[in-house]
Amino acid sequence: MTTRTFICRCEDVTVKDCDAAIEAGFETIEEIKRFTGMGTGPCQGRECMVPLCTLLQERGVEGSDALAPFTARPPAAQISLGALADGARESTAIPTPTSSPEGEDS
């Protein structure tokens, strides 16, 4: 991989950025995610997980913690693809259930 190779296209995180994180002492996926911001875009890490794991293995990072996947966190409120494309938010309100689950009485 070259240093201009993107690991996370959503957040423009390159191999060079990940190498800087490793040199700073961050070696787990969660640490690198916090240091670089990777995995926080629309794909929530689905696109960058494998390339990052491959990079960590190539760099000789050992240990099960280094290759543990991070948790994808869905948005708090639903947003349409069109709103994402426009860079706008449709709603900032957190949706709440309108009825109780089946079998439960309120």
N, C-alpha and C. Protein backbone atom coordinates (compact mmCIF):
# COMPACT_ATOMS: atom_id res chain seq x y z
N MET A 1 0.84 -1.19 0.00
CA MET A 1 0.00 0.00 0.00
C MET A 1 0.88 1.25 0.00
N THR A 2 0.45 2.25 -0.73
CA THR A 2 1.15 3.52 -0.70
C THR A 2 0.53 4.39 0.39
N THR A 3 1.18 5.49 0.73
CA THR A 3 0.66 6.35 1.78
C THR A 3 -0.58 7.13 1.35
N ARG A 4 -0.84 7.24 0.05
CA ARG A 4 -2.05 7.92 -0.44
C ARG A 4 -3.21 6.95 -0.59
N THR A 5 -3.03 5.73 -0.19
CA THR A 5 -4.12 4.77 -0.23
C THR A 5 -5.08 5.07 0.91
N PHE A 6 -6.35 5.17 0.59
CA PHE A 6 -7.34 5.46 1.61
C PHE A 6 -7.76 4.18 2.31
N ILE A 7 -7.75 4.24 3.62
CA ILE A 7 -8.28 3.15 4.45
C ILE A 7 -9.77 3.40 4.66
N CYS A 8 -10.12 4.64 4.95
CA CYS A 8 -11.52 5.02 5.18
C CYS A 8 -11.87 6.14 4.21
N ARG A 9 -12.61 5.81 3.17
CA ARG A 9 -12.98 6.81 2.15
C ARG A 9 -13.99 7.81 2.68
N CYS A 10 -14.84 7.39 3.60
CA CYS A 10 -15.87 8.29 4.13
C CYS A 10 -15.24 9.47 4.87
N GLU A 11 -14.16 9.20 5.61
CA GLU A 11 -13.53 10.23 6.43
C GLU A 11 -12.15 10.64 5.93
N ASP A 12 -11.78 10.19 4.72
CA ASP A 12 -10.49 10.54 4.10
C ASP A 12 -9.29 10.18 4.97
N VAL A 13 -9.32 8.99 5.57
CA VAL A 13 -8.20 8.52 6.40
C VAL A 13 -7.31 7.66 5.52
N THR A 14 -6.03 8.03 5.45
CA THR A 14 -5.08 7.33 4.59
C THR A 14 -4.19 6.38 5.40
N VAL A 15 -3.40 5.60 4.67
CA VAL A 15 -2.42 4.72 5.30
C VAL A 15 -1.47 5.56 6.16
N LYS A 16 -1.08 6.72 5.64
CA LYS A 16 -0.17 7.62 6.37
C LYS A 16 -0.79 8.05 7.70
N ASP A 17 -2.08 8.35 7.70
CA ASP A 17 -2.77 8.73 8.94
C ASP A 17 -2.76 7.58 9.95
N CYS A 18 -3.01 6.37 9.45
CA CYS A 18 -3.01 5.20 10.34
C CYS A 18 -1.61 4.91 10.87
N ASP A 19 -0.60 5.07 10.02
CA ASP A 19 0.78 4.88 10.47
C ASP A 19 1.13 5.90 11.56
N ALA A 20 0.66 7.14 11.41
CA ALA A 20 0.91 8.16 12.43
C ALA A 20 0.24 7.77 13.75
N ALA A 21 -0.96 7.20 13.67
CA ALA A 21 -1.65 6.75 14.87
C ALA A 21 -0.88 5.62 15.55
N ILE A 22 -0.38 4.68 14.76
CA ILE A 22 0.40 3.56 15.31
C ILE A 22 1.68 4.08 15.95
N GLU A 23 2.36 5.02 15.29
CA GLU A 23 3.58 5.62 15.84
C GLU A 23 3.31 6.38 17.13
N ALA A 24 2.10 6.92 17.27
CA ALA A 24 1.71 7.64 18.49
C ALA A 24 1.32 6.69 19.62
N GLY A 25 1.34 5.38 19.32
CA GLY A 25 1.05 4.39 20.35
C GLY A 25 -0.35 3.81 20.32
N PHE A 26 -1.14 4.19 19.33
CA PHE A 26 -2.50 3.65 19.21
C PHE A 26 -2.44 2.40 18.33
N GLU A 27 -2.80 1.25 18.88
CA GLU A 27 -2.65 0.02 18.12
C GLU A 27 -3.92 -0.80 17.98
N THR A 28 -4.97 -0.48 18.70
CA THR A 28 -6.21 -1.22 18.52
C THR A 28 -7.09 -0.46 17.52
N ILE A 29 -8.05 -1.16 16.97
CA ILE A 29 -8.95 -0.51 16.01
C ILE A 29 -9.70 0.64 16.68
N GLU A 30 -10.17 0.42 17.91
CA GLU A 30 -10.89 1.49 18.62
C GLU A 30 -10.01 2.71 18.83
N GLU A 31 -8.74 2.50 19.20
CA GLU A 31 -7.83 3.63 19.42
C GLU A 31 -7.56 4.38 18.12
N ILE A 32 -7.33 3.64 17.05
CA ILE A 32 -7.07 4.27 15.76
C ILE A 32 -8.32 5.00 15.27
N LYS A 33 -9.49 4.43 15.53
CA LYS A 33 -10.74 5.09 15.16
C LYS A 33 -10.86 6.43 15.88
N ARG A 34 -10.56 6.46 17.17
CA ARG A 34 -10.66 7.71 17.92
C ARG A 34 -9.62 8.74 17.47
N PHE A 35 -8.42 8.27 17.14
CA PHE A 35 -7.33 9.17 16.76
C PHE A 35 -7.56 9.77 15.37
N THR A 36 -8.08 8.96 14.44
CA THR A 36 -8.20 9.41 13.05
C THR A 36 -9.62 9.79 12.63
N GLY A 37 -10.63 9.29 13.32
CA GLY A 37 -12.01 9.54 12.92
C GLY A 37 -12.54 8.52 11.93
N MET A 38 -11.71 7.53 11.58
CA MET A 38 -12.17 6.52 10.62
C MET A 38 -13.33 5.72 11.19
N GLY A 39 -14.16 5.22 10.29
CA GLY A 39 -15.29 4.39 10.71
C GLY A 39 -16.45 5.16 11.27
N THR A 40 -16.44 6.48 11.17
CA THR A 40 -17.52 7.29 11.72
C THR A 40 -18.41 7.90 10.64
N GLY A 41 -18.13 7.58 9.39
CA GLY A 41 -18.91 8.12 8.27
C GLY A 41 -20.15 7.30 7.99
N PRO A 42 -20.76 7.51 6.86
CA PRO A 42 -22.01 6.83 6.51
C PRO A 42 -21.93 5.30 6.53
N CYS A 43 -20.77 4.72 6.22
CA CYS A 43 -20.70 3.25 6.18
C CYS A 43 -20.47 2.65 7.56
N GLN A 44 -20.17 3.50 8.56
CA GLN A 44 -19.95 3.04 9.94
C GLN A 44 -18.91 1.92 10.04
N GLY A 45 -17.87 2.01 9.23
CA GLY A 45 -16.77 1.05 9.33
C GLY A 45 -16.89 -0.19 8.47
N ARG A 46 -18.00 -0.36 7.77
CA ARG A 46 -18.16 -1.56 6.96
C ARG A 46 -17.16 -1.61 5.81
N GLU A 47 -16.73 -0.46 5.32
CA GLU A 47 -15.79 -0.41 4.21
C GLU A 47 -14.33 -0.44 4.67
N CYS A 48 -14.04 0.07 5.87
CA CYS A 48 -12.64 0.25 6.28
C CYS A 48 -12.14 -0.79 7.28
N MET A 49 -13.00 -1.64 7.78
CA MET A 49 -12.59 -2.62 8.78
C MET A 49 -11.50 -3.55 8.25
N VAL A 50 -11.74 -4.18 7.13
CA VAL A 50 -10.79 -5.15 6.58
C VAL A 50 -9.47 -4.49 6.19
N PRO A 51 -9.49 -3.35 5.47
CA PRO A 51 -8.20 -2.72 5.14
C PRO A 51 -7.39 -2.33 6.39
N LEU A 52 -8.07 -1.88 7.45
CA LEU A 52 -7.34 -1.52 8.66
C LEU A 52 -6.74 -2.76 9.32
N CYS A 53 -7.51 -3.84 9.39
CA CYS A 53 -6.97 -5.09 9.97
C CYS A 53 -5.77 -5.57 9.16
N THR A 54 -5.86 -5.49 7.85
CA THR A 54 -4.74 -5.88 6.98
C THR A 54 -3.52 -5.01 7.26
N LEU A 55 -3.73 -3.70 7.38
CA LEU A 55 -2.63 -2.78 7.66
C LEU A 55 -1.98 -3.11 9.01
N LEU A 56 -2.79 -3.36 10.03
CA LEU A 56 -2.25 -3.69 11.35
C LEU A 56 -1.42 -4.96 11.30
N GLN A 57 -1.89 -5.96 10.55
CA GLN A 57 -1.12 -7.20 10.41
C GLN A 57 0.18 -6.94 9.66
N GLU A 58 0.14 -6.13 8.61
CA GLU A 58 1.35 -5.80 7.84
C GLU A 58 2.37 -5.06 8.71
N ARG A 59 1.87 -4.25 9.64
CA ARG A 59 2.75 -3.47 10.51
C ARG A 59 3.23 -4.28 11.72
N GLY A 60 2.77 -5.52 11.83
CA GLY A 60 3.22 -6.40 12.91
C GLY A 60 2.57 -6.15 14.26
N VAL A 61 1.41 -5.51 14.26
CA VAL A 61 0.69 -5.29 15.51
C VAL A 61 0.10 -6.62 15.95
N GLU A 62 0.46 -7.04 17.13
CA GLU A 62 0.02 -8.34 17.64
C GLU A 62 -1.10 -8.19 18.65
N GLY A 63 -1.77 -9.29 18.95
CA GLY A 63 -2.77 -9.31 20.02
C GLY A 63 -4.19 -9.31 19.50
N SER A 64 -5.05 -9.97 20.23
CA SER A 64 -6.45 -10.07 19.82
C SER A 64 -7.16 -8.73 19.90
N ASP A 65 -6.75 -7.85 20.83
CA ASP A 65 -7.39 -6.54 20.94
C ASP A 65 -7.16 -5.70 19.70
N ALA A 66 -6.01 -5.86 19.07
CA ALA A 66 -5.68 -5.05 17.90
C ALA A 66 -6.60 -5.35 16.73
N LEU A 67 -7.12 -6.55 16.65
CA LEU A 67 -7.94 -6.92 15.49
C LEU A 67 -9.41 -7.10 15.84
N ALA A 68 -9.84 -6.64 17.01
CA ALA A 68 -11.25 -6.73 17.40
C ALA A 68 -12.02 -5.63 16.67
N PRO A 69 -13.12 -5.97 16.04
CA PRO A 69 -13.88 -4.95 15.32
C PRO A 69 -14.52 -3.94 16.26
N PHE A 70 -14.69 -2.71 15.78
CA PHE A 70 -15.35 -1.70 16.58
C PHE A 70 -16.85 -1.78 16.37
N THR A 71 -17.58 -1.15 17.23
CA THR A 71 -19.03 -1.19 17.19
C THR A 71 -19.57 -0.12 16.25
N ALA A 72 -20.35 -0.54 15.28
CA ALA A 72 -21.02 0.42 14.40
C ALA A 72 -22.20 0.99 15.15
N ARG A 73 -22.31 2.29 15.14
CA ARG A 73 -23.40 2.95 15.85
C ARG A 73 -24.32 3.64 14.85
N PRO A 74 -25.57 3.19 14.79
CA PRO A 74 -26.50 3.82 13.84
C PRO A 74 -26.84 5.24 14.29
N PRO A 75 -27.28 6.06 13.38
CA PRO A 75 -27.69 7.42 13.76
C PRO A 75 -28.82 7.39 14.78
N ALA A 76 -28.91 8.41 15.62
CA ALA A 76 -29.96 8.49 16.64
C ALA A 76 -31.33 8.70 16.02
N ALA A 77 -31.37 9.37 14.89
CA ALA A 77 -32.63 9.63 14.21
C ALA A 77 -32.49 9.24 12.75
N GLN A 78 -33.59 8.78 12.17
CA GLN A 78 -33.55 8.41 10.76
C GLN A 78 -33.32 9.65 9.91
N ILE A 79 -32.55 9.45 8.84
CA ILE A 79 -32.28 10.54 7.91
C ILE A 79 -32.27 9.95 6.50
N SER A 80 -32.84 10.66 5.57
CA SER A 80 -32.92 10.14 4.21
C SER A 80 -31.58 10.29 3.50
N LEU A 81 -31.38 9.46 2.49
CA LEU A 81 -30.15 9.53 1.70
C LEU A 81 -30.03 10.89 1.02
N GLY A 82 -31.14 11.44 0.58
CA GLY A 82 -31.14 12.75 -0.06
C GLY A 82 -30.66 13.84 0.89
N ALA A 83 -31.08 13.77 2.15
CA ALA A 83 -30.64 14.76 3.13
C ALA A 83 -29.14 14.61 3.39
N LEU A 84 -28.65 13.40 3.42
CA LEU A 84 -27.21 13.18 3.59
C LEU A 84 -26.45 13.76 2.41
N ALA A 85 -26.98 13.55 1.21
CA ALA A 85 -26.32 14.06 0.01
C ALA A 85 -26.29 15.59 0.00
N ASP A 86 -27.34 16.21 0.52
CA ASP A 86 -27.41 17.67 0.59
C ASP A 86 -26.62 18.22 1.77
N GLY A 87 -26.23 17.35 2.70
CA GLY A 87 -25.51 17.80 3.88
C GLY A 87 -26.43 18.43 4.92
N ALA A 88 -27.72 18.17 4.80
CA ALA A 88 -28.69 18.76 5.74
C ALA A 88 -29.27 17.67 6.63
N ARG A 89 -29.83 18.09 7.73
CA ARG A 89 -30.52 17.16 8.62
C ARG A 89 -32.02 17.38 8.47
N GLU A 90 -32.74 16.26 8.38
CA GLU A 90 -34.19 16.37 8.28
C GLU A 90 -34.81 16.62 9.64
N SER A 91 -34.29 15.92 10.65
CA SER A 91 -34.87 16.02 11.97
C SER A 91 -33.79 15.81 13.01
N THR A 92 -33.86 16.58 14.07
CA THR A 92 -32.92 16.38 15.17
C THR A 92 -33.58 15.66 16.33
N ALA A 93 -34.88 15.40 16.22
CA ALA A 93 -35.60 14.72 17.29
C ALA A 93 -35.30 13.23 17.27
N ILE A 94 -35.16 12.65 18.44
CA ILE A 94 -34.93 11.22 18.55
C ILE A 94 -36.29 10.54 18.52
N PRO A 95 -36.48 9.59 17.60
CA PRO A 95 -37.79 8.94 17.50
C PRO A 95 -38.09 8.12 18.75
N THR A 96 -39.34 8.08 19.12
CA THR A 96 -39.78 7.27 20.26
C THR A 96 -40.85 6.31 19.78
N PRO A 97 -40.97 5.17 20.44
CA PRO A 97 -42.00 4.19 20.02
C PRO A 97 -43.39 4.78 20.21
N THR A 98 -44.28 4.45 19.27
CA THR A 98 -45.66 4.96 19.35
C THR A 98 -46.59 3.97 20.03
N SER A 99 -46.17 2.72 20.16
CA SER A 99 -46.98 1.74 20.86
C SER A 99 -46.06 0.78 21.60
N SER A 100 -46.62 0.10 22.59
CA SER A 100 -45.81 -0.85 23.36
C SER A 100 -45.65 -2.15 22.58
N PRO A 101 -44.57 -2.90 22.82
CA PRO A 101 -44.36 -4.17 22.11
C PRO A 101 -45.50 -5.13 22.39
N GLU A 102 -45.71 -6.05 21.47
CA GLU A 102 -46.79 -7.02 21.62
C GLU A 102 -46.64 -7.80 22.92
N GLY A 103 -47.74 -8.04 23.58
CA GLY A 103 -47.73 -8.84 24.80
C GLY A 103 -47.51 -8.03 26.06
N GLU A 104 -47.26 -6.73 25.92
CA GLU A 104 -47.06 -5.88 27.07
C GLU A 104 -48.23 -4.92 27.20
N ASP A 105 -48.75 -4.79 28.40
CA ASP A 105 -49.82 -3.83 28.65
C ASP A 105 -49.24 -2.62 29.36
N SER A 106 -49.70 -1.44 28.98
CA SER A 106 -49.19 -0.21 29.61
C SER A 106 -50.00 0.14 30.82
